[in-house]
């Protein structure tokens, strides 16, 4: 268990939750298994947190937060890693998200001259949207504003991924996770060809 503990990096020595330890153990098991093809890539990967989110009647989803520094490695193996983790956490969807920082408008107090575009609220929410849909890609977005002023973001996913990896079943999960992380409504769908 001590080696699995190295897979969790928390801020200021905070103690990990039971779910975070479960995820770390699962990552460590995948890394040390002989049959794993993502073994070498997983050596540098660690998590910074994990949360469980209820997704209506379809069960629950585990949102795994990864430090931004290792996100590039995770992005390469995201599809295979999600598949392996879903085998370990049966009946639960897995969503991997990078930790990103949002700088507000009084960023000059933090000693910065300019605020990078990647740290704005809009840019971070766009990046979270990309992370949540996982190995599939977004091919289009529409913002629907209803008469009462509520906004709904319609996100169209790549139709070639429709049949792969039961993405069809995860659409409700994507909506619930995105709502929880950003407090914005989003509907995920495949475009009608």
C-alpha atoms as a PDB file:
ATOM      1  CA  UNK A   1       0.000   0.000   0.000  1.00  0.00           C
ATOM      2  CA  UNK A   2       2.958   2.280   0.579  1.00  0.00           C
ATOM      3  CA  UNK A   3       3.859   2.309  -3.119  1.00  0.00           C
ATOM      4  CA  UNK A   4       0.241   3.036  -4.086  1.00  0.00           C
ATOM      5  CA  UNK A   5       0.405   6.008  -1.711  1.00  0.00           C
ATOM      6  CA  UNK A   6       3.022   7.605  -3.999  1.00  0.00           C
ATOM      7  CA  UNK A   7       0.355   7.891  -6.693  1.00  0.00           C
ATOM      8  CA  UNK A   8      -1.454  10.597  -4.662  1.00  0.00           C
ATOM      9  CA  UNK A   9       0.020  14.086  -4.397  1.00  0.00           C
ATOM     10  CA  UNK A  10      -2.060  16.307  -2.137  1.00  0.00           C
ATOM     11  CA  UNK A  11      -1.479  19.954  -1.296  1.00  0.00           C
ATOM     12  CA  UNK A  12       0.219  20.762   2.018  1.00  0.00           C
ATOM     13  CA  UNK A  13       0.186  17.137   3.163  1.00  0.00           C
ATOM     14  CA  UNK A  14      -3.602  16.778   3.376  1.00  0.00           C
ATOM     15  CA  UNK A  15      -4.738  13.231   4.047  1.00  0.00           C
ATOM     16  CA  UNK A  16      -6.316  11.392   1.085  1.00  0.00           C
ATOM     17  CA  UNK A  17      -9.883  10.128   1.206  1.00  0.00           C
ATOM     18  CA  UNK A  18     -10.827   6.455   0.913  1.00  0.00           C
ATOM     19  CA  UNK A  19     -11.869   6.918  -2.736  1.00  0.00           C
ATOM     20  CA  UNK A  20      -8.552   8.597  -3.586  1.00  0.00           C
ATOM     21  CA  UNK A  21      -6.656   5.692  -2.030  1.00  0.00           C
ATOM     22  CA  UNK A  22      -8.793   3.234  -4.027  1.00  0.00           C
ATOM     23  CA  UNK A  23      -7.984   5.086  -7.271  1.00  0.00           C
ATOM     24  CA  UNK A  24      -4.276   5.238  -6.390  1.00  0.00           C
ATOM     25  CA  UNK A  25      -4.250   1.506  -5.675  1.00  0.00           C
ATOM     26  CA  UNK A  26      -5.992   0.815  -8.993  1.00  0.00           C
ATOM     27  CA  UNK A  27      -3.428   2.954 -10.849  1.00  0.00           C
ATOM     28  CA  UNK A  28      -0.590   1.159  -9.083  1.00  0.00           C
ATOM     29  CA  UNK A  29      -2.110  -2.264  -9.910  1.00  0.00           C
ATOM     30  CA  UNK A  30      -2.360  -1.312 -13.592  1.00  0.00           C
ATOM     31  CA  UNK A  31       1.247  -0.102 -13.518  1.00  0.00           C
ATOM     32  CA  UNK A  32       2.660  -3.301 -11.991  1.00  0.00           C
ATOM     33  CA  UNK A  33       0.516  -5.774 -13.947  1.00  0.00           C
ATOM     34  CA  UNK A  34       2.500  -7.763 -16.495  1.00  0.00           C
ATOM     35  CA  UNK A  35      -0.133  -7.577 -19.242  1.00  0.00           C
ATOM     36  CA  UNK A  36      -0.559  -3.786 -19.151  1.00  0.00           C
ATOM     37  CA  UNK A  37       0.481  -2.000 -22.356  1.00  0.00           C
ATOM     38  CA  UNK A  38       0.426   1.460 -20.711  1.00  0.00           C
ATOM     39  CA  UNK A  39       2.837   0.408 -17.954  1.00  0.00           C
ATOM     40  CA  UNK A  40       5.727   2.693 -18.985  1.00  0.00           C
ATOM     41  CA  UNK A  41       3.509   5.761 -19.400  1.00  0.00           C
ATOM     42  CA  UNK A  42       1.873   5.258 -15.997  1.00  0.00           C
ATOM     43  CA  UNK A  43       5.196   5.498 -14.154  1.00  0.00           C
ATOM     44  CA  UNK A  44       5.079   9.324 -14.091  1.00  0.00           C
ATOM     45  CA  UNK A  45       1.311   9.629 -13.561  1.00  0.00           C
ATOM     46  CA  UNK A  46      -0.126  10.564 -10.164  1.00  0.00           C
ATOM     47  CA  UNK A  47      -3.437  12.050  -9.029  1.00  0.00           C
ATOM     48  CA  UNK A  48      -4.271  15.066  -6.910  1.00  0.00           C
ATOM     49  CA  UNK A  49      -7.832  14.154  -6.001  1.00  0.00           C
ATOM     50  CA  UNK A  50     -10.917  12.077  -6.750  1.00  0.00           C
ATOM     51  CA  UNK A  51     -14.622  12.740  -6.252  1.00  0.00           C
ATOM     52  CA  UNK A  52     -17.707  10.626  -6.759  1.00  0.00           C
ATOM     53  CA  UNK A  53     -20.647  12.294  -8.507  1.00  0.00           C
ATOM     54  CA  UNK A  54     -24.161  10.884  -8.729  1.00  0.00           C
ATOM     55  CA  UNK A  55     -25.397  10.663 -12.321  1.00  0.00           C
ATOM     56  CA  UNK A  56     -29.122  10.145 -11.925  1.00  0.00           C
ATOM     57  CA  UNK A  57     -30.460   6.650 -12.498  1.00  0.00           C
ATOM     58  CA  UNK A  58     -27.419   5.449 -14.462  1.00  0.00           C
ATOM     59  CA  UNK A  59     -25.267   5.177 -11.330  1.00  0.00           C
ATOM     60  CA  UNK A  60     -22.276   7.306 -10.421  1.00  0.00           C
ATOM     61  CA  UNK A  61     -19.095   8.682 -11.932  1.00  0.00           C
ATOM     62  CA  UNK A  62     -15.630   9.023 -10.432  1.00  0.00           C
ATOM     63  CA  UNK A  63     -13.903  12.277 -11.387  1.00  0.00           C
ATOM     64  CA  UNK A  64     -10.143  11.915 -11.086  1.00  0.00           C
ATOM     65  CA  UNK A  65      -8.153  15.145 -10.893  1.00  0.00           C
ATOM     66  CA  UNK A  66      -4.653  14.998 -12.368  1.00  0.00           C
ATOM     67  CA  UNK A  67      -1.963  17.683 -11.907  1.00  0.00           C
ATOM     68  CA  UNK A  68      -1.571  19.789 -15.034  1.00  0.00           C
ATOM     69  CA  UNK A  69       2.134  18.904 -15.330  1.00  0.00           C
ATOM     70  CA  UNK A  70       1.370  15.216 -16.002  1.00  0.00           C
ATOM     71  CA  UNK A  71      -1.746  15.874 -18.104  1.00  0.00           C
ATOM     72  CA  UNK A  72       0.179  15.608 -21.390  1.00  0.00           C
ATOM     73  CA  UNK A  73       1.144  12.009 -20.534  1.00  0.00           C
ATOM     74  CA  UNK A  74      -2.384  11.159 -19.370  1.00  0.00           C
ATOM     75  CA  UNK A  75      -3.924  12.610 -22.550  1.00  0.00           C
ATOM     76  CA  UNK A  76      -1.890  10.169 -24.694  1.00  0.00           C
ATOM     77  CA  UNK A  77      -3.173   7.101 -22.813  1.00  0.00           C
ATOM     78  CA  UNK A  78      -6.561   8.463 -21.723  1.00  0.00           C
ATOM     79  CA  UNK A  79      -8.737   6.002 -23.643  1.00  0.00           C
ATOM     80  CA  UNK A  80      -6.885   2.904 -22.478  1.00  0.00           C
ATOM     81  CA  UNK A  81      -6.509   4.213 -18.915  1.00  0.00           C
ATOM     82  CA  UNK A  82     -10.244   4.953 -18.610  1.00  0.00           C
ATOM     83  CA  UNK A  83     -11.042   1.456 -19.919  1.00  0.00           C
ATOM     84  CA  UNK A  84      -8.703  -0.187 -17.394  1.00  0.00           C
ATOM     85  CA  UNK A  85     -10.025   1.905 -14.483  1.00  0.00           C
ATOM     86  CA  UNK A  86     -13.642   1.174 -15.419  1.00  0.00           C
ATOM     87  CA  UNK A  87     -12.850  -2.545 -15.181  1.00  0.00           C
ATOM     88  CA  UNK A  88     -11.568  -2.000 -11.632  1.00  0.00           C
ATOM     89  CA  UNK A  89     -14.491   0.258 -10.598  1.00  0.00           C
ATOM     90  CA  UNK A  90     -17.371  -1.745 -11.993  1.00  0.00           C
ATOM     91  CA  UNK A  91     -20.688   0.040 -12.642  1.00  0.00           C
ATOM     92  CA  UNK A  92     -19.025   3.476 -12.386  1.00  0.00           C
ATOM     93  CA  UNK A  93     -17.906   5.815 -15.171  1.00  0.00           C
ATOM     94  CA  UNK A  94     -14.416   7.307 -14.963  1.00  0.00           C
ATOM     95  CA  UNK A  95     -13.675  10.896 -16.011  1.00  0.00           C
ATOM     96  CA  UNK A  96     -10.131  12.310 -15.997  1.00  0.00           C
ATOM     97  CA  UNK A  97      -9.725  16.079 -15.587  1.00  0.00           C
ATOM     98  CA  UNK A  98      -6.587  18.230 -15.322  1.00  0.00           C
ATOM     99  CA  UNK A  99      -6.164  20.710 -12.466  1.00  0.00           C
ATOM    100  CA  UNK A 100      -6.276  24.194 -13.906  1.00  0.00           C
ATOM    101  CA  UNK A 101      -6.027  27.609 -12.247  1.00  0.00           C
ATOM    102  CA  UNK A 102      -8.449  30.458 -12.897  1.00  0.00           C
ATOM    103  CA  UNK A 103      -7.032  33.927 -12.271  1.00  0.00           C
ATOM    104  CA  UNK A 104      -9.602  36.606 -11.549  1.00  0.00           C
ATOM    105  CA  UNK A 105      -9.373  40.189 -12.727  1.00  0.00           C
ATOM    106  CA  UNK A 106      -7.262  41.407  -9.802  1.00  0.00           C
ATOM    107  CA  UNK A 107      -4.364  39.140 -10.770  1.00  0.00           C
ATOM    108  CA  UNK A 108      -1.911  42.030 -10.299  1.00  0.00           C
ATOM    109  CA  UNK A 109      -2.069  41.407  -6.542  1.00  0.00           C
ATOM    110  CA  UNK A 110      -0.427  38.058  -7.175  1.00  0.00           C
ATOM    111  CA  UNK A 111       2.531  39.830  -8.783  1.00  0.00           C
ATOM    112  CA  UNK A 112       1.687  39.064 -12.409  1.00  0.00           C
ATOM    113  CA  UNK A 113       1.912  41.703 -15.109  1.00  0.00           C
ATOM    114  CA  UNK A 114      -0.495  40.068 -17.552  1.00  0.00           C
ATOM    115  CA  UNK A 115      -3.047  37.300 -17.185  1.00  0.00           C
ATOM    116  CA  UNK A 116      -2.410  34.431 -19.611  1.00  0.00           C
ATOM    117  CA  UNK A 117      -5.383  33.549 -21.806  1.00  0.00           C
ATOM    118  CA  UNK A 118      -5.217  29.989 -20.547  1.00  0.00           C
ATOM    119  CA  UNK A 119      -6.034  31.178 -17.004  1.00  0.00           C
ATOM    120  CA  UNK A 120      -9.294  32.973 -17.846  1.00  0.00           C
ATOM    121  CA  UNK A 121     -12.607  31.509 -16.693  1.00  0.00           C
ATOM    122  CA  UNK A 122     -13.776  30.904 -20.264  1.00  0.00           C
ATOM    123  CA  UNK A 123     -10.566  29.173 -21.334  1.00  0.00           C
ATOM    124  CA  UNK A 124     -10.522  26.923 -18.265  1.00  0.00           C
ATOM    125  CA  UNK A 125     -14.178  25.936 -18.757  1.00  0.00           C
ATOM    126  CA  UNK A 126     -13.491  25.149 -22.442  1.00  0.00           C
ATOM    127  CA  UNK A 127     -10.530  22.991 -21.415  1.00  0.00           C
ATOM    128  CA  UNK A 128     -12.601  21.172 -18.777  1.00  0.00           C
ATOM    129  CA  UNK A 129     -15.187  20.464 -21.480  1.00  0.00           C
ATOM    130  CA  UNK A 130     -12.450  18.926 -23.659  1.00  0.00           C
ATOM    131  CA  UNK A 131     -11.178  16.860 -20.699  1.00  0.00           C
ATOM    132  CA  UNK A 132     -14.607  15.549 -19.684  1.00  0.00           C
ATOM    133  CA  UNK A 133     -15.486  14.072 -23.077  1.00  0.00           C
ATOM    134  CA  UNK A 134     -12.349  11.990 -22.781  1.00  0.00           C
ATOM    135  CA  UNK A 135     -10.847  10.240 -25.772  1.00  0.00           C
ATOM    136  CA  UNK A 136     -13.599  11.458 -28.120  1.00  0.00           C
ATOM    137  CA  UNK A 137     -13.393  14.871 -29.765  1.00  0.00           C
ATOM    138  CA  UNK A 138     -15.805  17.781 -29.968  1.00  0.00           C
ATOM    139  CA  UNK A 139     -16.811  18.632 -33.538  1.00  0.00           C
ATOM    140  CA  UNK A 140     -19.278  21.432 -32.813  1.00  0.00           C
ATOM    141  CA  UNK A 141     -20.879  23.602 -30.144  1.00  0.00           C
ATOM    142  CA  UNK A 142     -24.074  25.629 -30.029  1.00  0.00           C
ATOM    143  CA  UNK A 143     -25.330  27.840 -27.220  1.00  0.00           C
ATOM    144  CA  UNK A 144     -29.099  27.807 -26.906  1.00  0.00           C
ATOM    145  CA  UNK A 145     -30.646  30.658 -24.964  1.00  0.00           C
ATOM    146  CA  UNK A 146     -34.275  30.018 -24.070  1.00  0.00           C
ATOM    147  CA  UNK A 147     -36.987  32.636 -23.609  1.00  0.00           C
ATOM    148  CA  UNK A 148     -36.484  32.799 -19.846  1.00  0.00           C
ATOM    149  CA  UNK A 149     -32.766  33.536 -20.297  1.00  0.00           C
ATOM    150  CA  UNK A 150     -31.265  30.165 -19.349  1.00  0.00           C
ATOM    151  CA  UNK A 151     -28.311  29.034 -21.443  1.00  0.00           C
ATOM    152  CA  UNK A 152     -27.783  25.460 -22.582  1.00  0.00           C
ATOM    153  CA  UNK A 153     -24.603  24.446 -24.358  1.00  0.00           C
ATOM    154  CA  UNK A 154     -25.148  21.773 -27.013  1.00  0.00           C
ATOM    155  CA  UNK A 155     -21.944  19.839 -27.633  1.00  0.00           C
ATOM    156  CA  UNK A 156     -21.632  17.628 -30.706  1.00  0.00           C
ATOM    157  CA  UNK A 157     -19.164  14.762 -30.406  1.00  0.00           C
ATOM    158  CA  UNK A 158     -17.289  13.018 -33.203  1.00  0.00           C
ATOM    159  CA  UNK A 159     -19.703  10.576 -34.932  1.00  0.00           C
ATOM    160  CA  UNK A 160     -16.932   8.058 -35.616  1.00  0.00           C
ATOM    161  CA  UNK A 161     -16.646   7.462 -31.841  1.00  0.00           C
ATOM    162  CA  UNK A 162     -20.351   6.694 -31.493  1.00  0.00           C
ATOM    163  CA  UNK A 163     -19.908   2.932 -31.533  1.00  0.00           C
ATOM    164  CA  UNK A 164     -16.635   2.772 -29.596  1.00  0.00           C
ATOM    165  CA  UNK A 165     -16.309   2.299 -25.820  1.00  0.00           C
ATOM    166  CA  UNK A 166     -20.029   2.714 -24.982  1.00  0.00           C
ATOM    167  CA  UNK A 167     -19.766   6.515 -25.326  1.00  0.00           C
ATOM    168  CA  UNK A 168     -23.528   6.582 -26.036  1.00  0.00           C
ATOM    169  CA  UNK A 169     -24.185   5.491 -22.433  1.00  0.00           C
ATOM    170  CA  UNK A 170     -21.806   8.110 -21.005  1.00  0.00           C
ATOM    171  CA  UNK A 171     -23.544  11.198 -22.451  1.00  0.00           C
ATOM    172  CA  UNK A 172     -25.644  11.749 -19.296  1.00  0.00           C
ATOM    173  CA  UNK A 173     -22.515  11.221 -17.214  1.00  0.00           C
ATOM    174  CA  UNK A 174     -20.645  13.910 -19.193  1.00  0.00           C
ATOM    175  CA  UNK A 175     -23.493  16.385 -18.593  1.00  0.00           C
ATOM    176  CA  UNK A 176     -23.629  15.718 -14.840  1.00  0.00           C
ATOM    177  CA  UNK A 177     -19.849  15.971 -14.405  1.00  0.00           C
ATOM    178  CA  UNK A 178     -19.585  19.190 -16.457  1.00  0.00           C
ATOM    179  CA  UNK A 179     -22.471  20.719 -14.460  1.00  0.00           C
ATOM    180  CA  UNK A 180     -20.784  19.796 -11.177  1.00  0.00           C
ATOM    181  CA  UNK A 181     -17.366  21.155 -12.195  1.00  0.00           C
ATOM    182  CA  UNK A 182     -18.412  24.392 -13.923  1.00  0.00           C
ATOM    183  CA  UNK A 183     -22.028  24.977 -12.839  1.00  0.00           C
ATOM    184  CA  UNK A 184     -23.065  25.255 -16.512  1.00  0.00           C
ATOM    185  CA  UNK A 185     -25.716  23.217 -18.291  1.00  0.00           C
ATOM    186  CA  UNK A 186     -24.483  21.177 -21.252  1.00  0.00           C
ATOM    187  CA  UNK A 187     -26.116  18.567 -23.472  1.00  0.00           C
ATOM    188  CA  UNK A 188     -23.853  16.100 -25.242  1.00  0.00           C
ATOM    189  CA  UNK A 189     -24.984  14.445 -28.468  1.00  0.00           C
ATOM    190  CA  UNK A 190     -23.840  13.061 -31.771  1.00  0.00           C
ATOM    191  CA  UNK A 191     -24.730  15.083 -34.895  1.00  0.00           C
ATOM    192  CA  UNK A 192     -27.357  13.643 -37.236  1.00  0.00           C
ATOM    193  CA  UNK A 193     -25.560  12.619 -40.397  1.00  0.00           C
END
